[in-house]
Amino acid sequence: MRRSPPLALLNGSPLGQRPTGIGVVTLALAKALCHERVTFLDPVATGRPNSLAIPGNLSMDHGRKGHLRRLLWTQNQLPGLLKKTGTSLLLSPLPEAPMLRRGVRSIVLAHDLIPLRFPRPGPLLAYHLAYVPLVLHQAERVLCNSEATAREIHHWLRVPLRKLITVPLGFDPGQLRPLDVPRQPFFLVLGRHDYHKNLPRILRAFARIADPDMTLKLVG
């Protein structure tokens, strides 16, 4: 019996050997969705069933060159994989999809519009000004990780509300457990150390705390 084509391809191209936030989301989607009807485009040989190998140099592990390679691969190579597998639906864990080929339907995830809220000249700003809006408007649906993100996408980019679906981020409870370490007072800063996180002000404020037992921990 001839095997039915997959319902969709899950784009794993942003996944690297050291998964960041989007990489973690990609792995979670692959675990939840990639059975016999969803094919995972796998750049790091995860061993997941029903997967297709793709180049492993498309993630931010490879810096800006990896990002640029992924954008070019998405436009030039990804449509061929959709055709080869017999599906026209792409599920992408970030707002990237083929724009130059007709007949490609996409469901994409949108995480935030921080480069537009806190603009700095450079390639990332151009990416969010020129490319991301086209992808979001062309997508069948846009999955937003919070209601705030959905509101921003509608307000800043005028994407119709009917396209926006809020899917809050989850977590793996198996990763949460008490640590057998001495308790001590501390402030915790969690996340990537980007310019918009206001870290210099945090450091200045912490320097004014007189308690010698208080520590500041930066994780990210």
N, C-alpha and C. Protein backbone atom coordinates (compact mmCIF):
# COMPACT_ATOMS: atom_id res chain seq x y z
N MET A 1 0.84 -1.19 0.00
CA MET A 1 0.00 0.00 0.00
C MET A 1 0.88 1.25 0.00
N ARG A 2 0.54 2.18 -0.86
CA ARG A 2 1.33 3.40 -0.96
C ARG A 2 1.13 4.26 0.28
N ARG A 3 2.22 4.77 0.80
CA ARG A 3 2.17 5.59 2.01
C ARG A 3 1.60 6.96 1.71
N SER A 4 0.70 7.43 2.58
CA SER A 4 0.12 8.75 2.39
C SER A 4 1.17 9.82 2.65
N PRO A 5 1.09 10.93 1.92
CA PRO A 5 2.04 12.03 2.18
C PRO A 5 1.80 12.61 3.56
N PRO A 6 2.82 13.22 4.15
CA PRO A 6 2.64 13.83 5.49
C PRO A 6 1.68 15.00 5.44
N LEU A 7 1.06 15.26 6.57
CA LEU A 7 0.20 16.43 6.66
C LEU A 7 1.02 17.71 6.59
N ALA A 8 2.23 17.67 7.13
CA ALA A 8 3.06 18.88 7.19
C ALA A 8 4.52 18.50 7.38
N LEU A 9 5.39 19.44 7.06
CA LEU A 9 6.80 19.35 7.41
C LEU A 9 7.07 20.30 8.56
N LEU A 10 7.79 19.82 9.57
CA LEU A 10 8.23 20.68 10.67
C LEU A 10 9.65 21.14 10.37
N ASN A 11 9.82 22.44 10.22
CA ASN A 11 11.11 23.01 9.86
C ASN A 11 12.04 23.03 11.07
N GLY A 12 13.03 22.15 11.07
CA GLY A 12 13.99 22.10 12.17
C GLY A 12 15.26 22.87 11.92
N SER A 13 15.31 23.68 10.87
CA SER A 13 16.56 24.34 10.48
C SER A 13 17.15 25.25 11.55
N PRO A 14 16.37 25.88 12.46
CA PRO A 14 17.01 26.72 13.48
C PRO A 14 17.64 25.93 14.62
N LEU A 15 17.50 24.61 14.62
CA LEU A 15 18.02 23.79 15.71
C LEU A 15 19.52 23.57 15.57
N GLY A 16 20.26 23.86 16.64
CA GLY A 16 21.70 23.65 16.64
C GLY A 16 22.10 22.63 17.69
N GLN A 17 23.40 22.42 17.83
CA GLN A 17 23.90 21.47 18.82
C GLN A 17 23.70 21.99 20.24
N ARG A 18 23.61 23.30 20.40
CA ARG A 18 23.36 23.90 21.71
C ARG A 18 22.06 24.69 21.62
N PRO A 19 20.91 24.02 21.81
CA PRO A 19 19.62 24.67 21.57
C PRO A 19 19.40 25.90 22.43
N THR A 20 18.98 26.98 21.78
CA THR A 20 18.54 28.18 22.47
C THR A 20 17.03 28.09 22.66
N GLY A 21 16.37 29.21 22.96
CA GLY A 21 14.93 29.17 23.19
C GLY A 21 14.16 28.58 22.02
N ILE A 22 14.44 29.07 20.80
CA ILE A 22 13.73 28.57 19.63
C ILE A 22 14.12 27.12 19.37
N GLY A 23 15.37 26.76 19.63
CA GLY A 23 15.77 25.37 19.47
C GLY A 23 15.04 24.44 20.42
N VAL A 24 14.85 24.88 21.66
CA VAL A 24 14.11 24.07 22.64
C VAL A 24 12.66 23.90 22.18
N VAL A 25 12.05 24.98 21.69
CA VAL A 25 10.69 24.89 21.16
C VAL A 25 10.63 23.92 19.99
N THR A 26 11.63 23.98 19.11
CA THR A 26 11.68 23.07 17.96
C THR A 26 11.72 21.62 18.41
N LEU A 27 12.55 21.30 19.38
CA LEU A 27 12.64 19.93 19.89
C LEU A 27 11.32 19.49 20.52
N ALA A 28 10.68 20.39 21.26
CA ALA A 28 9.40 20.04 21.89
C ALA A 28 8.33 19.77 20.84
N LEU A 29 8.31 20.57 19.78
CA LEU A 29 7.35 20.34 18.70
C LEU A 29 7.62 19.02 18.01
N ALA A 30 8.90 18.72 17.78
CA ALA A 30 9.24 17.45 17.13
C ALA A 30 8.79 16.27 17.98
N LYS A 31 8.99 16.37 19.27
CA LYS A 31 8.59 15.28 20.17
C LYS A 31 7.08 15.10 20.17
N ALA A 32 6.34 16.21 20.12
CA ALA A 32 4.88 16.14 20.23
C ALA A 32 4.20 15.81 18.91
N LEU A 33 4.79 16.23 17.79
CA LEU A 33 4.07 16.16 16.51
C LEU A 33 4.63 15.18 15.51
N CYS A 34 5.91 14.87 15.58
CA CYS A 34 6.53 14.15 14.47
C CYS A 34 6.31 12.65 14.59
N HIS A 35 5.13 12.25 14.19
CA HIS A 35 4.80 10.84 14.05
C HIS A 35 4.65 10.57 12.56
N GLU A 36 3.82 9.64 12.18
CA GLU A 36 3.77 9.25 10.78
C GLU A 36 3.15 10.30 9.87
N ARG A 37 2.46 11.30 10.41
CA ARG A 37 1.81 12.30 9.55
C ARG A 37 2.51 13.65 9.55
N VAL A 38 3.54 13.84 10.36
CA VAL A 38 4.33 15.07 10.35
C VAL A 38 5.80 14.69 10.24
N THR A 39 6.47 15.19 9.21
CA THR A 39 7.88 14.87 8.98
C THR A 39 8.77 15.98 9.52
N PHE A 40 9.80 15.60 10.26
CA PHE A 40 10.72 16.55 10.88
C PHE A 40 11.94 16.73 10.00
N LEU A 41 12.23 17.97 9.63
CA LEU A 41 13.45 18.30 8.88
C LEU A 41 14.57 18.47 9.91
N ASP A 42 15.44 17.48 9.99
CA ASP A 42 16.35 17.32 11.12
C ASP A 42 17.79 17.70 10.74
N PRO A 43 18.34 18.78 11.34
CA PRO A 43 19.71 19.18 11.01
C PRO A 43 20.78 18.59 11.92
N VAL A 44 20.40 17.93 13.00
CA VAL A 44 21.40 17.49 13.98
C VAL A 44 21.31 16.00 14.30
N ALA A 45 20.65 15.23 13.45
CA ALA A 45 20.55 13.77 13.64
C ALA A 45 20.03 13.42 15.02
N THR A 46 18.83 13.91 15.35
CA THR A 46 18.24 13.64 16.66
C THR A 46 17.79 12.19 16.80
N GLY A 47 17.64 11.49 15.68
CA GLY A 47 17.16 10.12 15.73
C GLY A 47 15.66 10.00 15.83
N ARG A 48 14.96 11.11 15.65
CA ARG A 48 13.50 11.06 15.73
C ARG A 48 12.96 10.28 14.54
N PRO A 49 11.88 9.51 14.74
CA PRO A 49 11.28 8.79 13.62
C PRO A 49 10.67 9.75 12.62
N ASN A 50 10.52 9.30 11.40
CA ASN A 50 9.89 10.08 10.35
C ASN A 50 10.57 11.44 10.17
N SER A 51 11.87 11.42 9.95
CA SER A 51 12.62 12.66 9.78
C SER A 51 13.41 12.62 8.48
N LEU A 52 13.73 13.81 7.98
CA LEU A 52 14.58 13.97 6.80
C LEU A 52 15.80 14.80 7.20
N ALA A 53 16.98 14.35 6.82
CA ALA A 53 18.19 15.09 7.15
C ALA A 53 18.30 16.35 6.29
N ILE A 54 18.69 17.45 6.92
CA ILE A 54 18.95 18.70 6.21
C ILE A 54 20.30 19.22 6.69
N PRO A 55 20.88 20.22 6.02
CA PRO A 55 22.19 20.73 6.43
C PRO A 55 22.22 21.16 7.90
N GLY A 56 23.34 20.95 8.55
CA GLY A 56 23.47 21.27 9.97
C GLY A 56 24.16 22.59 10.25
N ASN A 57 24.30 23.43 9.24
CA ASN A 57 25.01 24.71 9.43
C ASN A 57 24.09 25.90 9.24
N LEU A 58 22.80 25.74 9.61
CA LEU A 58 21.81 26.78 9.36
C LEU A 58 21.38 27.51 10.62
N SER A 59 21.90 27.12 11.76
CA SER A 59 21.44 27.70 13.02
C SER A 59 22.36 28.84 13.46
N MET A 60 21.96 29.48 14.56
CA MET A 60 22.78 30.56 15.11
C MET A 60 24.03 30.04 15.79
N ASP A 61 24.19 28.71 15.87
CA ASP A 61 25.50 28.17 16.28
C ASP A 61 26.60 28.68 15.36
N HIS A 62 26.22 29.01 14.12
CA HIS A 62 27.17 29.44 13.11
C HIS A 62 27.10 30.96 12.87
N GLY A 63 26.53 31.68 13.84
CA GLY A 63 26.52 33.13 13.77
C GLY A 63 25.67 33.67 12.63
N ARG A 64 26.03 34.87 12.18
CA ARG A 64 25.25 35.52 11.13
C ARG A 64 25.30 34.74 9.82
N LYS A 65 26.42 34.06 9.57
CA LYS A 65 26.50 33.26 8.35
C LYS A 65 25.47 32.13 8.39
N GLY A 66 25.30 31.51 9.55
CA GLY A 66 24.29 30.47 9.67
C GLY A 66 22.90 31.02 9.45
N HIS A 67 22.63 32.21 9.98
CA HIS A 67 21.33 32.85 9.81
C HIS A 67 21.07 33.13 8.33
N LEU A 68 22.06 33.69 7.64
CA LEU A 68 21.91 33.99 6.22
C LEU A 68 21.74 32.72 5.41
N ARG A 69 22.54 31.69 5.71
CA ARG A 69 22.39 30.42 5.00
C ARG A 69 20.99 29.85 5.17
N ARG A 70 20.43 29.98 6.39
CA ARG A 70 19.09 29.45 6.63
C ARG A 70 18.04 30.20 5.80
N LEU A 71 18.17 31.52 5.72
CA LEU A 71 17.21 32.29 4.93
C LEU A 71 17.27 31.89 3.46
N LEU A 72 18.48 31.71 2.93
CA LEU A 72 18.62 31.30 1.53
C LEU A 72 18.12 29.87 1.33
N TRP A 73 18.43 28.99 2.26
CA TRP A 73 17.96 27.60 2.18
C TRP A 73 16.44 27.54 2.20
N THR A 74 15.83 28.38 3.04
CA THR A 74 14.37 28.40 3.14
C THR A 74 13.72 28.77 1.82
N GLN A 75 14.32 29.72 1.10
CA GLN A 75 13.74 30.15 -0.17
C GLN A 75 14.06 29.20 -1.31
N ASN A 76 15.26 28.63 -1.31
CA ASN A 76 15.72 27.88 -2.48
C ASN A 76 15.58 26.37 -2.36
N GLN A 77 15.73 25.82 -1.17
CA GLN A 77 15.74 24.36 -1.00
C GLN A 77 14.47 23.82 -0.34
N LEU A 78 13.92 24.54 0.59
CA LEU A 78 12.76 24.04 1.32
C LEU A 78 11.56 23.76 0.43
N PRO A 79 11.26 24.62 -0.57
CA PRO A 79 10.13 24.28 -1.45
C PRO A 79 10.30 22.93 -2.14
N GLY A 80 11.53 22.57 -2.49
CA GLY A 80 11.76 21.28 -3.12
C GLY A 80 11.46 20.12 -2.19
N LEU A 81 11.75 20.28 -0.89
CA LEU A 81 11.43 19.23 0.08
C LEU A 81 9.93 19.09 0.27
N LEU A 82 9.22 20.20 0.24
CA LEU A 82 7.77 20.13 0.31
C LEU A 82 7.21 19.37 -0.88
N LYS A 83 7.73 19.66 -2.06
CA LYS A 83 7.27 18.97 -3.26
C LYS A 83 7.64 17.50 -3.22
N LYS A 84 8.85 17.20 -2.77
CA LYS A 84 9.33 15.81 -2.73
C LYS A 84 8.47 14.95 -1.81
N THR A 85 8.04 15.50 -0.69
CA THR A 85 7.26 14.73 0.27
C THR A 85 5.76 14.76 -0.01
N GLY A 86 5.35 15.59 -0.95
CA GLY A 86 3.95 15.61 -1.34
C GLY A 86 3.05 16.43 -0.45
N THR A 87 3.62 17.33 0.34
CA THR A 87 2.80 18.20 1.18
C THR A 87 3.06 19.65 0.82
N SER A 88 2.06 20.48 1.06
CA SER A 88 2.23 21.91 0.80
C SER A 88 2.14 22.72 2.08
N LEU A 89 2.12 22.06 3.24
CA LEU A 89 1.98 22.76 4.52
C LEU A 89 3.28 22.69 5.31
N LEU A 90 3.78 23.85 5.69
CA LEU A 90 5.00 23.96 6.48
C LEU A 90 4.66 24.47 7.87
N LEU A 91 5.17 23.81 8.90
CA LEU A 91 5.09 24.30 10.27
C LEU A 91 6.47 24.78 10.66
N SER A 92 6.58 26.07 10.97
CA SER A 92 7.89 26.66 11.26
C SER A 92 7.92 27.22 12.68
N PRO A 93 8.95 26.88 13.48
CA PRO A 93 9.03 27.36 14.85
C PRO A 93 9.50 28.81 14.98
N LEU A 94 9.71 29.47 13.87
CA LEU A 94 10.04 30.89 13.86
C LEU A 94 9.44 31.50 12.59
N PRO A 95 9.32 32.83 12.52
CA PRO A 95 8.62 33.45 11.39
C PRO A 95 9.47 33.46 10.11
N GLU A 96 9.67 32.27 9.55
CA GLU A 96 10.40 32.12 8.29
C GLU A 96 9.69 31.08 7.44
N ALA A 97 9.52 31.40 6.15
CA ALA A 97 8.84 30.49 5.23
C ALA A 97 9.19 30.90 3.81
N PRO A 98 9.06 29.97 2.85
CA PRO A 98 9.32 30.33 1.45
C PRO A 98 8.35 31.41 0.99
N MET A 99 8.88 32.43 0.32
CA MET A 99 8.06 33.54 -0.14
C MET A 99 7.96 33.60 -1.66
N LEU A 100 8.83 32.88 -2.36
CA LEU A 100 8.94 33.05 -3.81
C LEU A 100 8.24 31.96 -4.59
N ARG A 101 7.68 30.96 -3.91
CA ARG A 101 7.00 29.86 -4.59
C ARG A 101 5.52 29.87 -4.24
N ARG A 102 4.70 29.75 -5.26
CA ARG A 102 3.26 29.69 -5.01
C ARG A 102 2.87 28.31 -4.49
N GLY A 103 1.77 28.28 -3.80
CA GLY A 103 1.24 27.00 -3.33
C GLY A 103 1.81 26.51 -2.03
N VAL A 104 2.72 27.27 -1.40
CA VAL A 104 3.28 26.87 -0.11
C VAL A 104 2.45 27.51 1.00
N ARG A 105 1.83 26.68 1.80
CA ARG A 105 1.04 27.15 2.95
C ARG A 105 1.89 26.99 4.20
N SER A 106 1.73 27.90 5.14
CA SER A 106 2.58 27.86 6.33
C SER A 106 1.80 28.22 7.59
N ILE A 107 2.21 27.58 8.67
CA ILE A 107 1.82 27.96 10.03
C ILE A 107 3.12 28.27 10.75
N VAL A 108 3.26 29.49 11.25
CA VAL A 108 4.54 29.90 11.83
C VAL A 108 4.34 30.35 13.27
N LEU A 109 5.41 30.24 14.04
CA LEU A 109 5.41 30.74 15.42
C LEU A 109 6.06 32.11 15.46
N ALA A 110 5.46 33.01 16.23
CA ALA A 110 6.04 34.34 16.45
C ALA A 110 6.29 34.51 17.94
N HIS A 111 7.50 34.91 18.29
CA HIS A 111 7.89 34.93 19.70
C HIS A 111 7.87 36.33 20.31
N ASP A 112 8.28 37.34 19.58
CA ASP A 112 8.23 38.71 20.08
C ASP A 112 8.62 39.65 18.95
N LEU A 113 8.45 40.94 19.21
CA LEU A 113 8.88 41.98 18.26
C LEU A 113 9.89 42.90 18.93
N ILE A 114 10.75 42.35 19.75
CA ILE A 114 11.70 43.16 20.51
C ILE A 114 12.57 44.03 19.61
N PRO A 115 13.06 43.54 18.44
CA PRO A 115 13.88 44.42 17.60
C PRO A 115 13.11 45.63 17.06
N LEU A 116 11.78 45.57 17.04
CA LEU A 116 11.00 46.74 16.63
C LEU A 116 10.69 47.64 17.82
N ARG A 117 10.52 47.07 18.98
CA ARG A 117 10.25 47.87 20.17
C ARG A 117 11.50 48.59 20.66
N PHE A 118 12.65 47.94 20.50
CA PHE A 118 13.93 48.53 20.91
C PHE A 118 14.87 48.49 19.71
N PRO A 119 14.62 49.32 18.71
CA PRO A 119 15.37 49.21 17.45
C PRO A 119 16.82 49.64 17.57
N ARG A 120 17.67 48.88 16.90
CA ARG A 120 19.09 49.23 16.74
C ARG A 120 19.44 48.96 15.29
N PRO A 121 20.14 49.89 14.64
CA PRO A 121 20.50 49.67 13.23
C PRO A 121 21.28 48.38 13.06
N GLY A 122 20.94 47.64 12.01
CA GLY A 122 21.67 46.41 11.74
C GLY A 122 20.80 45.39 11.03
N PRO A 123 21.36 44.23 10.72
CA PRO A 123 20.63 43.21 9.96
C PRO A 123 19.38 42.71 10.67
N LEU A 124 19.41 42.60 12.00
CA LEU A 124 18.25 42.08 12.72
C LEU A 124 17.05 43.00 12.59
N LEU A 125 17.29 44.31 12.60
CA LEU A 125 16.19 45.26 12.43
C LEU A 125 15.63 45.16 11.01
N ALA A 126 16.49 45.07 10.02
CA ALA A 126 16.02 44.92 8.63
C ALA A 126 15.22 43.64 8.45
N TYR A 127 15.67 42.58 9.09
CA TYR A 127 14.98 41.28 9.04
C TYR A 127 13.55 41.43 9.55
N HIS A 128 13.36 42.15 10.67
CA HIS A 128 12.03 42.30 11.25
C HIS A 128 11.19 43.35 10.54
N LEU A 129 11.83 44.29 9.87
CA LEU A 129 11.08 45.31 9.15
C LEU A 129 10.62 44.83 7.78
N ALA A 130 11.47 44.06 7.09
CA ALA A 130 11.19 43.72 5.70
C ALA A 130 10.69 42.29 5.51
N TYR A 131 11.29 41.34 6.20
CA TYR A 131 11.01 39.93 5.92
C TYR A 131 9.89 39.36 6.79
N VAL A 132 9.99 39.56 8.10
CA VAL A 132 9.02 38.97 9.02
C VAL A 132 7.59 39.39 8.72
N PRO A 133 7.30 40.68 8.45
CA PRO A 133 5.91 41.04 8.13
C PRO A 133 5.36 40.30 6.91
N LEU A 134 6.18 40.10 5.88
CA LEU A 134 5.72 39.37 4.70
C LEU A 134 5.35 37.93 5.07
N VAL A 135 6.19 37.30 5.87
CA VAL A 135 5.92 35.91 6.28
C VAL A 135 4.63 35.83 7.08
N LEU A 136 4.44 36.73 8.02
CA LEU A 136 3.27 36.68 8.88
C LEU A 136 1.99 36.95 8.11
N HIS A 137 2.03 37.88 7.18
CA HIS A 137 0.83 38.17 6.39
C HIS A 137 0.51 37.02 5.44
N GLN A 138 1.51 36.32 4.96
CA GLN A 138 1.27 35.23 4.02
C GLN A 138 0.86 33.94 4.72
N ALA A 139 1.18 33.80 6.00
CA ALA A 139 0.92 32.55 6.72
C ALA A 139 -0.57 32.29 6.85
N GLU A 140 -0.91 31.00 6.89
CA GLU A 140 -2.30 30.62 7.16
C GLU A 140 -2.69 31.00 8.59
N ARG A 141 -1.81 30.70 9.52
CA ARG A 141 -2.02 31.04 10.93
C ARG A 141 -0.68 31.43 11.54
N VAL A 142 -0.75 32.30 12.55
CA VAL A 142 0.44 32.71 13.30
C VAL A 142 0.21 32.33 14.76
N LEU A 143 1.04 31.42 15.27
CA LEU A 143 0.94 31.00 16.66
C LEU A 143 1.81 31.92 17.51
N CYS A 144 1.20 32.61 18.46
CA CYS A 144 1.90 33.59 19.30
C CYS A 144 2.08 33.00 20.69
N ASN A 145 3.26 33.23 21.28
CA ASN A 145 3.53 32.60 22.58
C ASN A 145 2.94 33.36 23.76
N SER A 146 2.24 34.46 23.50
CA SER A 146 1.55 35.18 24.57
C SER A 146 0.52 36.11 23.94
N GLU A 147 -0.44 36.53 24.75
CA GLU A 147 -1.42 37.50 24.26
C GLU A 147 -0.75 38.83 23.96
N ALA A 148 0.27 39.18 24.73
CA ALA A 148 1.00 40.43 24.47
C ALA A 148 1.65 40.40 23.09
N THR A 149 2.25 39.27 22.73
CA THR A 149 2.86 39.15 21.40
C THR A 149 1.81 39.27 20.31
N ALA A 150 0.66 38.64 20.51
CA ALA A 150 -0.42 38.72 19.52
C ALA A 150 -0.88 40.17 19.34
N ARG A 151 -1.03 40.89 20.46
CA ARG A 151 -1.45 42.29 20.36
C ARG A 151 -0.41 43.12 19.62
N GLU A 152 0.87 42.89 19.91
CA GLU A 152 1.93 43.66 19.24
C GLU A 152 1.95 43.38 17.74
N ILE A 153 1.80 42.12 17.35
CA ILE A 153 1.82 41.77 15.93
C ILE A 153 0.66 42.43 15.21
N HIS A 154 -0.49 42.44 15.85
CA HIS A 154 -1.65 43.10 15.23
C HIS A 154 -1.44 44.61 15.17
N HIS A 155 -0.92 45.20 16.24
CA HIS A 155 -0.75 46.65 16.29
C HIS A 155 0.37 47.14 15.39
N TRP A 156 1.54 46.50 15.47
CA TRP A 156 2.71 46.97 14.74
C TRP A 156 2.69 46.55 13.27
N LEU A 157 2.26 45.34 13.00
CA LEU A 157 2.37 44.80 11.65
C LEU A 157 1.04 44.64 10.95
N ARG A 158 -0.05 44.94 11.62
CA ARG A 158 -1.39 44.90 11.03
C ARG A 158 -1.76 43.51 10.51
N VAL A 159 -1.28 42.49 11.16
CA VAL A 159 -1.70 41.13 10.81
C VAL A 159 -3.11 40.93 11.35
N PRO A 160 -4.06 40.45 10.54
CA PRO A 160 -5.45 40.30 10.99
C PRO A 160 -5.57 39.41 12.22
N LEU A 161 -6.45 39.79 13.13
CA LEU A 161 -6.64 39.03 14.36
C LEU A 161 -7.09 37.61 14.08
N ARG A 162 -7.82 37.40 12.99
CA ARG A 162 -8.32 36.05 12.68
C ARG A 162 -7.18 35.07 12.43
N LYS A 163 -6.00 35.57 12.09
CA LYS A 163 -4.84 34.70 11.85
C LYS A 163 -4.07 34.37 13.11
N LEU A 164 -4.28 35.12 14.17
CA LEU A 164 -3.43 35.03 15.36
C LEU A 164 -4.04 34.09 16.39
N ILE A 165 -3.27 33.11 16.82
CA ILE A 165 -3.70 32.16 17.84
C ILE A 165 -2.66 32.17 18.95
N THR A 166 -3.11 32.38 20.18
CA THR A 166 -2.19 32.41 21.31
C THR A 166 -1.99 31.00 21.86
N VAL A 167 -0.74 30.58 21.91
CA VAL A 167 -0.37 29.27 22.46
C VAL A 167 0.73 29.52 23.49
N PRO A 168 0.38 29.66 24.77
CA PRO A 168 1.40 29.98 25.78
C PRO A 168 2.49 28.92 25.85
N LEU A 169 3.69 29.37 26.15
CA LEU A 169 4.81 28.45 26.30
C LEU A 169 4.60 27.52 27.49
N GLY A 170 5.06 26.29 27.36
CA GLY A 170 4.99 25.34 28.46
C GLY A 170 6.37 25.10 29.05
N PHE A 171 6.46 24.09 29.89
CA PHE A 171 7.74 23.74 30.50
C PHE A 171 7.73 22.25 30.79
N ASP A 172 8.90 21.72 30.99
CA ASP A 172 9.05 20.31 31.31
C ASP A 172 9.18 20.16 32.82
N PRO A 173 8.14 19.66 33.50
CA PRO A 173 8.22 19.55 34.97
C PRO A 173 9.33 18.61 35.43
N GLY A 174 9.77 17.71 34.54
CA GLY A 174 10.85 16.82 34.91
C GLY A 174 12.18 17.52 35.12
N GLN A 175 12.28 18.77 34.61
CA GLN A 175 13.51 19.54 34.77
C GLN A 175 13.54 20.36 36.05
N LEU A 176 12.43 20.37 36.78
CA LEU A 176 12.34 21.18 38.00
C LEU A 176 12.45 20.27 39.22
N ARG A 177 13.40 20.55 40.06
CA ARG A 177 13.60 19.75 41.27
C ARG A 177 14.39 20.58 42.29
N PRO A 178 14.20 20.31 43.57
CA PRO A 178 14.96 21.05 44.59
C PRO A 178 16.45 20.76 44.46
N LEU A 179 17.25 21.78 44.72
CA LEU A 179 18.70 21.62 44.72
C LEU A 179 19.19 21.48 46.16
N ASP A 180 20.02 20.51 46.38
CA ASP A 180 20.55 20.27 47.72
C ASP A 180 21.76 21.17 47.96
N VAL A 181 21.47 22.46 48.08
CA VAL A 181 22.53 23.45 48.31
C VAL A 181 22.09 24.35 49.47
N PRO A 182 23.05 24.94 50.16
CA PRO A 182 22.69 25.85 51.26
C PRO A 182 21.85 27.02 50.76
N ARG A 183 20.86 27.40 51.53
CA ARG A 183 20.01 28.53 51.16
C ARG A 183 20.71 29.84 51.50
N GLN A 184 20.56 30.80 50.60
CA GLN A 184 21.11 32.13 50.85
C GLN A 184 20.31 33.13 50.04
N PRO A 185 20.24 34.38 50.50
CA PRO A 185 19.47 35.38 49.76
C PRO A 185 20.19 35.79 48.47
N PHE A 186 19.44 35.90 47.39
CA PHE A 186 20.05 36.34 46.14
C PHE A 186 18.99 36.92 45.22
N PHE A 187 19.44 37.73 44.29
CA PHE A 187 18.62 38.20 43.18
C PHE A 187 19.00 37.39 41.95
N LEU A 188 18.00 37.02 41.17
CA LEU A 188 18.23 36.19 39.98
C LEU A 188 17.82 36.95 38.73
N VAL A 189 18.74 37.05 37.77
CA VAL A 189 18.44 37.61 36.45
C VAL A 189 18.51 36.45 35.46
N LEU A 190 17.39 36.14 34.85
CA LEU A 190 17.30 34.97 33.98
C LEU A 190 17.03 35.40 32.55
N GLY A 191 17.86 34.95 31.61
CA GLY A 191 17.61 35.27 30.21
C GLY A 191 18.89 35.69 29.50
N ARG A 192 18.75 35.87 28.20
CA ARG A 192 19.89 36.27 27.38
C ARG A 192 20.30 37.69 27.74
N HIS A 193 21.60 37.96 27.69
CA HIS A 193 22.12 39.25 28.13
C HIS A 193 22.08 40.26 26.98
N ASP A 194 20.88 40.63 26.57
CA ASP A 194 20.71 41.57 25.47
C ASP A 194 20.64 43.00 25.99
N TYR A 195 20.83 43.94 25.07
CA TYR A 195 20.90 45.34 25.46
C TYR A 195 19.60 45.84 26.08
N HIS A 196 18.45 45.31 25.63
CA HIS A 196 17.17 45.82 26.11
C HIS A 196 16.81 45.29 27.50
N LYS A 197 17.63 44.39 28.06
CA LYS A 197 17.34 43.84 29.39
C LYS A 197 17.77 44.78 30.52
N ASN A 198 18.43 45.88 30.18
CA ASN A 198 18.78 46.91 31.17
C ASN A 198 19.73 46.39 32.24
N LEU A 199 20.66 45.54 31.85
CA LEU A 199 21.59 44.95 32.82
C LEU A 199 22.50 45.98 33.50
N PRO A 200 23.01 47.00 32.80
CA PRO A 200 23.85 47.98 33.50
C PRO A 200 23.14 48.63 34.68
N ARG A 201 21.85 48.91 34.52
CA ARG A 201 21.11 49.54 35.62
C ARG A 201 20.93 48.56 36.78
N ILE A 202 20.72 47.28 36.46
CA ILE A 202 20.62 46.27 37.51
C ILE A 202 21.93 46.21 38.31
N LEU A 203 23.05 46.24 37.61
CA LEU A 203 24.35 46.18 38.30
C LEU A 203 24.57 47.40 39.18
N ARG A 204 24.19 48.57 38.68
CA ARG A 204 24.35 49.79 39.49
C ARG A 204 23.46 49.73 40.73
N ALA A 205 22.23 49.25 40.55
CA ALA A 205 21.32 49.17 41.69
C ALA A 205 21.81 48.16 42.72
N PHE A 206 22.31 47.02 42.23
CA PHE A 206 22.77 46.00 43.17
C PHE A 206 24.00 46.48 43.94
N ALA A 207 24.83 47.28 43.30
CA ALA A 207 26.03 47.79 43.97
C ALA A 207 25.69 48.67 45.16
N ARG A 208 24.46 49.18 45.22
CA ARG A 208 24.06 50.06 46.32
C ARG A 208 23.46 49.29 47.49
N ILE A 209 23.29 47.97 47.34
CA ILE A 209 22.76 47.16 48.43
C ILE A 209 23.85 46.93 49.47
N ALA A 210 23.54 47.23 50.71
CA ALA A 210 24.56 47.17 51.76
C ALA A 210 24.74 45.78 52.36
N ASP A 211 23.84 44.85 52.06
CA ASP A 211 23.89 43.52 52.67
C ASP A 211 25.02 42.70 52.04
N PRO A 212 26.07 42.36 52.79
CA PRO A 212 27.19 41.60 52.20
C PRO A 212 26.85 40.16 51.86
N ASP A 213 25.75 39.64 52.44
CA ASP A 213 25.37 38.25 52.17
C ASP A 213 24.52 38.11 50.91
N MET A 214 24.06 39.23 50.39
CA MET A 214 23.21 39.19 49.19
C MET A 214 24.09 39.04 47.95
N THR A 215 23.67 38.15 47.04
CA THR A 215 24.40 37.95 45.79
C THR A 215 23.48 38.17 44.61
N LEU A 216 24.09 38.44 43.47
CA LEU A 216 23.36 38.62 42.21
C LEU A 216 23.79 37.51 41.27
N LYS A 217 22.83 36.74 40.77
CA LYS A 217 23.13 35.63 39.88
C LYS A 217 22.53 35.92 38.51
N LEU A 218 23.36 35.86 37.48
CA LEU A 218 22.92 36.06 36.10
C LEU A 218 22.99 34.72 35.38
N VAL A 219 21.85 34.25 34.91
CA VAL A 219 21.75 32.95 34.26
C VAL A 219 21.20 33.17 32.86
N GLY A 220 21.95 32.70 31.84
CA GLY A 220 21.46 32.84 30.49
C GLY A 220 22.59 32.81 29.50
